[in-house]
Amino acid sequence: MSDALAFDTHGPEETQELGRRLGAAAEVGDLILLEGSLGAGKTTLAQGIAWGAGVTGYAHSPTFVLVHEYAGRIPLYHVDLYRIEEGDLEAHDLGIEDMLADGACMVEWSEKAPAVFTAEALHVAIAFGEGPDDRRITLAAPSPRYAKALSGLRTAAAR
């Protein structure tokens, strides 16, 4: 089953708010793959996801350390693969299975390690819009796991 939903945001605050709604629906075992070009807003969306998952403070991109762990309503792991060369990673190198066993995991630049992310995941593609702060954010779920979260977002968008 595949389900997709697209949102247009018009500034960092709207992108963070969409992330907050995603984070509020996050559950243990959720894998959120954030894809988009440099400066598209992956970290901005990740900040909102963290806040929605109950993380206090500011979520910083773990570009140089690879993984940040945040304490919230559930443990939330933030992985950034920007500095990784494609093909350099194996699933066990990242410990994704361990992260998903006790929390949710969001991954920036997941397209750099496509073989690592074979589990069902929520794919989030962020693209630049017409204005400098405009973004088109498309959420795609290849399985029913994320249907509830997408349904909630669809309902909120219709209001």
Protein backbone atom coordinates (compact mmCIF):
# COMPACT_ATOMS: atom_id res chain seq x y z
CA MET A 1 0.00 0.00 0.00
CA SER A 2 1.28 3.45 -0.81
CA ASP A 3 -0.10 6.69 0.52
CA ALA A 4 1.26 10.17 -0.19
CA LEU A 5 0.43 13.65 1.01
CA ALA A 6 1.92 16.99 -0.06
CA PHE A 7 2.09 20.26 1.88
CA ASP A 8 3.25 23.71 0.86
CA THR A 9 4.90 25.69 3.65
CA HIS A 10 5.77 29.37 3.50
CA GLY A 11 8.53 29.81 6.05
CA PRO A 12 10.51 27.94 8.68
CA GLU A 13 7.75 28.25 11.28
CA GLU A 14 5.23 26.46 9.04
CA THR A 15 7.79 23.77 8.23
CA GLN A 16 8.47 23.29 11.95
CA GLU A 17 4.73 23.14 12.66
CA LEU A 18 4.28 20.36 10.10
CA GLY A 19 7.19 18.58 11.77
CA ARG A 20 5.60 19.10 15.19
CA ARG A 21 2.44 17.35 13.99
CA LEU A 22 4.54 14.48 12.61
CA GLY A 23 6.48 14.20 15.86
CA ALA A 24 3.29 14.15 17.92
CA ALA A 25 2.24 11.02 16.02
CA ALA A 26 5.68 9.34 16.21
CA GLU A 27 5.86 5.92 17.82
CA VAL A 28 8.62 3.54 18.82
CA GLY A 29 9.89 1.86 15.66
CA ASP A 30 9.10 4.76 13.32
CA LEU A 31 11.73 5.51 10.68
CA ILE A 32 11.44 8.93 9.03
CA LEU A 33 13.70 9.52 6.03
CA LEU A 34 14.27 13.21 5.23
CA GLU A 35 15.36 13.86 1.66
CA GLY A 36 16.11 17.11 -0.13
CA SER A 37 18.92 19.26 -1.43
CA LEU A 38 21.25 21.31 0.74
CA GLY A 39 19.31 24.06 2.50
CA ALA A 40 15.90 22.61 1.65
CA GLY A 41 14.81 22.46 5.29
CA LYS A 42 15.50 18.93 6.49
CA THR A 43 16.89 20.11 9.83
CA THR A 44 14.10 22.67 10.20
CA LEU A 45 11.52 19.91 9.78
CA ALA A 46 13.53 17.67 12.13
CA GLN A 47 13.38 20.40 14.80
CA GLY A 48 9.60 20.37 14.59
CA ILE A 49 9.49 16.57 14.72
CA ALA A 50 11.62 16.66 17.87
CA TRP A 51 9.36 19.24 19.53
CA GLY A 52 6.29 17.19 18.62
CA ALA A 53 7.90 14.12 20.19
CA GLY A 54 8.31 16.04 23.44
CA VAL A 55 11.95 17.06 23.10
CA THR A 56 12.70 20.35 24.81
CA GLY A 57 15.33 22.62 23.37
CA TYR A 58 16.66 22.86 19.88
CA ALA A 59 17.49 19.88 17.65
CA HIS A 60 20.80 20.49 15.89
CA SER A 61 21.93 18.65 12.80
CA PRO A 62 24.38 15.89 13.74
CA THR A 63 26.45 16.37 10.57
CA PHE A 64 29.82 15.97 12.31
CA VAL A 65 28.85 13.38 14.94
CA LEU A 66 26.46 11.33 12.77
CA VAL A 67 23.80 10.74 15.48
CA HIS A 68 22.12 12.81 18.20
CA GLU A 69 19.81 11.19 20.73
CA TYR A 70 17.03 13.25 22.29
CA ALA A 71 14.90 12.43 25.33
CA GLY A 72 11.21 13.12 24.87
CA ARG A 73 7.96 11.22 25.15
CA ILE A 74 9.91 8.48 23.35
CA PRO A 75 13.64 8.39 22.59
CA LEU A 76 14.27 10.16 19.29
CA TYR A 77 17.39 9.58 17.21
CA HIS A 78 18.52 12.12 14.61
CA VAL A 79 20.98 10.80 12.03
CA ASP A 80 22.72 12.91 9.36
CA LEU A 81 24.58 11.16 6.54
CA TYR A 82 25.72 14.29 4.66
CA ARG A 83 29.43 13.58 5.17
CA ILE A 84 29.13 9.87 4.35
CA GLU A 85 30.08 8.56 0.92
CA GLU A 86 27.43 6.39 -0.71
CA GLY A 87 28.10 2.72 -0.09
CA ASP A 88 30.31 3.30 2.98
CA LEU A 89 27.68 2.20 5.45
CA GLU A 90 26.07 -1.04 6.42
CA ALA A 91 22.92 -1.23 8.54
CA HIS A 92 24.85 -2.55 11.53
CA ASP A 93 27.31 0.37 11.31
CA LEU A 94 24.55 2.81 12.17
CA GLY A 95 22.73 0.69 14.73
CA ILE A 96 19.37 1.61 13.21
CA GLU A 97 17.79 -1.63 14.44
CA ASP A 98 18.77 -0.78 18.02
CA MET A 99 17.47 2.78 17.67
CA LEU A 100 14.12 1.58 16.34
CA ALA A 101 13.79 -1.01 19.12
CA ASP A 102 13.40 1.69 21.77
CA GLY A 103 12.58 4.89 19.90
CA ALA A 104 11.92 6.64 16.62
CA CYS A 105 14.63 7.62 14.14
CA MET A 106 14.78 10.45 11.61
CA VAL A 107 17.53 10.39 9.00
CA GLU A 108 18.77 13.32 6.90
CA TRP A 109 20.44 12.47 3.58
CA SER A 110 19.13 8.89 3.71
CA GLU A 111 19.54 8.66 -0.06
CA LYS A 112 23.31 8.32 0.54
CA ALA A 113 22.77 4.85 2.02
CA PRO A 114 19.77 3.34 0.22
CA ALA A 115 20.71 -0.25 1.08
CA VAL A 116 20.67 0.56 4.81
CA PHE A 117 17.04 1.62 4.89
CA THR A 118 15.22 -1.47 3.75
CA ALA A 119 12.67 -1.38 6.59
CA GLU A 120 9.36 0.32 6.05
CA ALA A 121 9.80 4.04 6.44
CA LEU A 122 8.00 7.32 6.05
CA HIS A 123 9.70 9.10 3.14
CA VAL A 124 9.69 12.89 3.41
CA ALA A 125 10.86 14.79 0.33
CA ILE A 126 11.48 18.52 0.73
CA ALA A 127 11.78 20.70 -2.37
CA PHE A 128 12.21 24.43 -2.85
CA GLY A 129 9.07 26.34 -3.81
CA GLU A 130 8.63 29.56 -5.75
CA GLY A 131 9.56 32.00 -2.97
CA PRO A 132 12.80 31.87 -0.96
CA ASP A 133 11.05 30.41 2.10
CA ASP A 134 8.49 28.27 0.25
CA ARG A 135 8.79 24.50 0.40
CA ARG A 136 6.84 21.57 -1.03
CA ILE A 137 6.96 18.73 1.47
CA THR A 138 5.74 15.35 0.28
CA LEU A 139 5.16 12.50 2.71
CA ALA A 140 5.00 9.01 1.24
CA ALA A 141 4.28 5.83 3.14
CA PRO A 142 4.81 2.54 1.32
CA SER A 143 2.99 0.57 4.02
CA PRO A 144 -0.02 0.97 6.31
CA ARG A 145 2.22 1.68 9.33
CA TYR A 146 2.04 5.44 8.80
CA ALA A 147 -1.58 5.60 7.60
CA LYS A 148 -2.84 6.95 10.94
CA ALA A 149 -0.27 9.77 11.02
CA LEU A 150 -0.97 10.71 7.40
CA SER A 151 -4.71 10.59 7.99
CA GLY A 152 -4.35 12.96 10.94
CA LEU A 153 -2.26 15.36 8.87
CA ARG A 154 -4.74 15.16 5.99
CA THR A 155 -7.61 15.99 8.37
CA ALA A 156 -5.72 18.91 9.91
CA ALA A 157 -4.88 20.29 6.46
CA ALA A 158 -8.53 20.18 5.41
CA ARG A 159 -9.57 22.51 8.25
